């Protein structure tokens, strides 16, 4: 496999990774809910730590503002805290503690810890994909560097050949020697005639 084929192969791998990520994004479904104010609509993939929450506006979705937000409707009793970029840092679901939690069930304050574990798993997956992508880019960069070095060597060789050719063109021509070189048989030079006569003695 030559250098060009290596580059095309690496670029093909990168294209495949992006197409896979695009397909994953297409398959992702978002849910909507309304905050307790009854006016603000939010959109999210899941109410989990590490997930991003968006505010739905006529001009498009924007990250939810930093702070704590109480959700209404089917999610009444759920409160989320988001950072400046709209990512959930804490989820408090009081519905489970009021309606379903038996006396011997673990305290509700363990829920954020479970959510945090989920966020760590997601982060590891993202870091793994980024690491693979970085390795692929490094391989492409090394291959391009090798091609660049080969091109420099080729340019140097061409420049050297050009210089030799120009030097050859600039050399003075020896008409006598040129005439001898292209002399036909039967049209001998004085030197050739002398040698022939000498040989026949």
Protein backbone atom coordinates (compact mmCIF):
# COMPACT_ATOMS: atom_id res chain seq x y z
CA UNK A 1 0.00 0.00 0.00
CA UNK A 2 1.52 3.31 -1.10
CA UNK A 3 1.31 6.59 0.81
CA UNK A 4 -1.68 7.87 -1.16
CA UNK A 5 -3.64 4.68 -0.51
CA UNK A 6 -2.82 4.94 3.20
CA UNK A 7 -4.21 8.49 3.34
CA UNK A 8 -7.39 7.48 1.48
CA UNK A 9 -7.82 4.50 3.81
CA UNK A 10 -7.49 6.68 6.93
CA UNK A 11 -9.90 9.27 5.51
CA UNK A 12 -12.35 6.45 4.78
CA UNK A 13 -12.20 5.38 8.44
CA UNK A 14 -12.88 8.95 9.57
CA UNK A 15 -15.83 9.22 7.17
CA UNK A 16 -17.26 5.96 8.52
CA UNK A 17 -16.96 7.20 12.11
CA UNK A 18 -18.81 10.42 11.30
CA UNK A 19 -21.52 8.57 9.37
CA UNK A 20 -22.01 6.23 12.35
CA UNK A 21 -22.26 9.20 14.70
CA UNK A 22 -24.75 10.85 12.32
CA UNK A 23 -26.90 7.71 12.24
CA UNK A 24 -26.84 7.54 16.03
CA UNK A 25 -27.96 11.16 16.20
CA UNK A 26 -30.83 10.52 13.78
CA UNK A 27 -32.07 7.61 15.87
CA UNK A 28 -32.07 9.72 19.05
CA UNK A 29 -35.56 10.74 20.16
CA UNK A 30 -36.22 13.75 22.35
CA UNK A 31 -38.99 14.28 24.88
CA UNK A 32 -40.67 17.53 25.76
CA UNK A 33 -42.13 18.80 29.00
CA UNK A 34 -43.37 22.06 30.47
CA UNK A 35 -41.89 23.75 33.52
CA UNK A 36 -44.13 24.57 36.48
CA UNK A 37 -44.57 28.12 35.16
CA UNK A 38 -46.78 26.58 32.48
CA UNK A 39 -45.14 28.62 29.73
CA UNK A 40 -41.62 27.31 29.21
CA UNK A 41 -41.24 24.13 27.15
CA UNK A 42 -38.07 22.09 27.50
CA UNK A 43 -36.66 19.31 25.33
CA UNK A 44 -34.32 16.52 26.45
CA UNK A 45 -33.20 13.02 25.57
CA UNK A 46 -33.40 11.79 29.15
CA UNK A 47 -33.62 13.36 32.60
CA UNK A 48 -30.22 12.08 33.66
CA UNK A 49 -27.04 13.68 34.90
CA UNK A 50 -24.84 14.55 31.93
CA UNK A 51 -27.73 15.02 29.50
CA UNK A 52 -28.35 18.45 27.97
CA UNK A 53 -31.67 20.23 28.32
CA UNK A 54 -32.92 22.79 25.80
CA UNK A 55 -35.49 25.55 25.96
CA UNK A 56 -37.82 25.45 22.94
CA UNK A 57 -38.16 28.90 21.33
CA UNK A 58 -39.70 30.10 18.03
CA UNK A 59 -36.16 30.73 16.74
CA UNK A 60 -34.90 27.27 17.67
CA UNK A 61 -33.71 25.41 20.75
CA UNK A 62 -31.25 27.01 23.16
CA UNK A 63 -29.47 25.47 26.19
CA UNK A 64 -31.47 25.76 29.40
CA UNK A 65 -30.22 28.58 31.65
CA UNK A 66 -28.08 27.70 34.64
CA UNK A 67 -30.02 26.99 37.80
CA UNK A 68 -32.72 24.73 39.25
CA UNK A 69 -35.90 24.07 37.27
CA UNK A 70 -39.08 22.35 38.49
CA UNK A 71 -40.91 20.40 35.82
CA UNK A 72 -44.71 20.14 35.60
CA UNK A 73 -47.21 17.92 33.82
CA UNK A 74 -46.32 14.22 33.89
CA UNK A 75 -43.02 15.18 35.52
CA UNK A 76 -44.51 17.12 38.43
CA UNK A 77 -42.27 16.44 41.42
CA UNK A 78 -39.10 16.29 39.33
CA UNK A 79 -36.54 19.07 39.73
CA UNK A 80 -33.35 19.38 37.71
CA UNK A 81 -30.25 21.50 38.18
CA UNK A 82 -28.29 22.47 35.07
CA UNK A 83 -24.95 24.18 34.49
CA UNK A 84 -24.20 27.19 32.29
CA UNK A 85 -24.29 25.01 29.15
CA UNK A 86 -27.62 23.38 29.98
CA UNK A 87 -26.18 20.03 31.12
CA UNK A 88 -27.95 18.33 34.03
CA UNK A 89 -25.83 18.15 37.16
CA UNK A 90 -28.53 16.89 39.54
CA UNK A 91 -31.95 15.25 39.29
CA UNK A 92 -34.38 15.14 42.23
CA UNK A 93 -37.46 12.98 41.68
CA UNK A 94 -39.81 13.33 44.63
CA UNK A 95 -42.50 11.24 42.93
CA UNK A 96 -40.77 7.99 43.89
CA UNK A 97 -40.35 8.95 47.54
CA UNK A 98 -43.99 9.98 47.95
CA UNK A 99 -45.85 7.27 46.03
CA UNK A 100 -43.63 4.20 45.74
CA UNK A 101 -40.83 4.14 48.30
CA UNK A 102 -41.33 1.47 51.01
CA UNK A 103 -40.01 2.08 54.50
CA UNK A 104 -36.88 -0.08 54.04
CA UNK A 105 -35.96 1.42 50.62
CA UNK A 106 -32.71 3.33 50.32
CA UNK A 107 -33.01 7.11 50.82
CA UNK A 108 -33.87 9.22 47.79
CA UNK A 109 -30.56 11.08 48.04
CA UNK A 110 -28.89 8.05 46.44
CA UNK A 111 -30.61 8.76 43.11
CA UNK A 112 -28.12 11.45 42.06
CA UNK A 113 -25.28 8.99 42.72
CA UNK A 114 -26.89 6.47 40.37
CA UNK A 115 -27.37 9.21 37.80
CA UNK A 116 -23.72 10.21 38.24
CA UNK A 117 -22.61 6.64 37.45
CA UNK A 118 -24.63 6.79 34.25
CA UNK A 119 -22.94 10.08 33.31
CA UNK A 120 -19.50 8.55 33.94
CA UNK A 121 -20.29 5.65 31.61
CA UNK A 122 -21.40 8.09 28.92
CA UNK A 123 -18.26 10.16 29.41
CA UNK A 124 -16.06 7.06 29.04
CA UNK A 125 -17.81 6.17 25.79
CA UNK A 126 -17.32 9.68 24.42
CA UNK A 127 -13.67 9.74 25.48
CA UNK A 128 -13.14 6.37 23.79
CA UNK A 129 -14.55 7.63 20.50
CA UNK A 130 -12.52 10.84 20.71
CA UNK A 131 -9.36 8.82 21.41
CA UNK A 132 -9.99 6.63 18.36
CA UNK A 133 -10.60 9.70 16.21
CA UNK A 134 -7.42 11.38 17.48
CA UNK A 135 -5.38 8.25 16.67
CA UNK A 136 -6.80 8.20 13.15
CA UNK A 137 -5.97 11.87 12.60
CA UNK A 138 -2.42 11.29 13.87
CA UNK A 139 -1.98 8.42 11.40
CA UNK A 140 -3.19 10.65 8.56
CA UNK A 141 -0.84 13.44 9.66
CA UNK A 142 2.15 11.08 9.72
CA UNK A 143 1.31 9.76 6.26
CA UNK A 144 0.94 13.28 4.87
CA UNK A 145 4.26 14.23 6.47
CA UNK A 146 5.93 11.27 4.74
CA UNK A 147 4.41 12.28 1.39
CA UNK A 148 5.60 15.85 1.91
CA UNK A 149 9.15 14.69 2.64
CA UNK A 150 9.12 12.50 -0.50
CA UNK A 151 7.96 15.48 -2.55
CA UNK A 152 10.79 17.63 -1.17
CA UNK A 153 13.34 14.96 -2.13
CA UNK A 154 11.83 14.68 -5.60
CA UNK A 155 11.93 18.45 -6.08
CA UNK A 156 15.58 18.50 -5.02
CA UNK A 157 16.47 15.75 -7.49
CA UNK A 158 14.65 17.54 -10.31
CA UNK A 159 16.43 20.80 -9.44
CA UNK A 160 19.79 18.97 -9.49
CA UNK A 161 19.06 17.41 -12.89
CA UNK A 162 17.98 20.79 -14.24
CA UNK A 163 21.20 22.38 -13.02
CA UNK A 164 23.26 19.61 -14.65
CA UNK A 165 21.37 20.05 -17.91
CA UNK A 166 21.85 23.82 -17.89
CA UNK A 167 25.56 23.29 -17.18
CA UNK A 168 25.81 20.85 -20.10
CA UNK A 169 24.06 23.32 -22.41
CA UNK A 170 26.52 26.05 -21.42
CA UNK A 171 29.61 23.98 -22.30
CA UNK A 172 31.49 25.22 -25.46
CA UNK A 173 31.08 23.04 -28.52
CA UNK A 174 34.22 21.54 -30.17
CA UNK A 175 33.40 21.64 -33.85
CA UNK A 176 36.36 19.46 -34.79
CA UNK A 177 35.37 16.68 -32.38
CA UNK A 178 31.73 17.00 -33.34
CA UNK A 179 32.71 16.68 -36.98
CA UNK A 180 34.78 13.60 -36.25
CA UNK A 181 31.94 12.04 -34.28
CA UNK A 182 29.47 12.31 -37.11
CA UNK A 183 31.92 11.69 -40.02
CA UNK A 184 30.68 9.12 -42.53
CA UNK A 185 32.76 6.15 -43.65
CA UNK A 186 34.70 7.15 -46.74
CA UNK A 187 34.95 10.75 -45.60
CA UNK A 188 37.96 10.24 -43.31
CA UNK A 189 39.62 12.98 -41.33
CA UNK A 190 43.32 13.61 -41.66
CA UNK A 191 44.00 11.70 -38.49
CA UNK A 192 41.91 8.72 -39.59
CA UNK A 193 43.60 8.76 -43.00
CA UNK A 194 47.04 8.74 -41.35
CA UNK A 195 46.13 5.79 -39.15
CA UNK A 196 44.77 3.88 -42.09
CA UNK A 197 47.89 4.49 -44.17
CA UNK A 198 50.11 3.57 -41.24
CA UNK A 199 48.23 0.28 -40.76
CA UNK A 200 48.69 -0.64 -44.44
CA UNK A 201 52.49 -0.20 -44.32
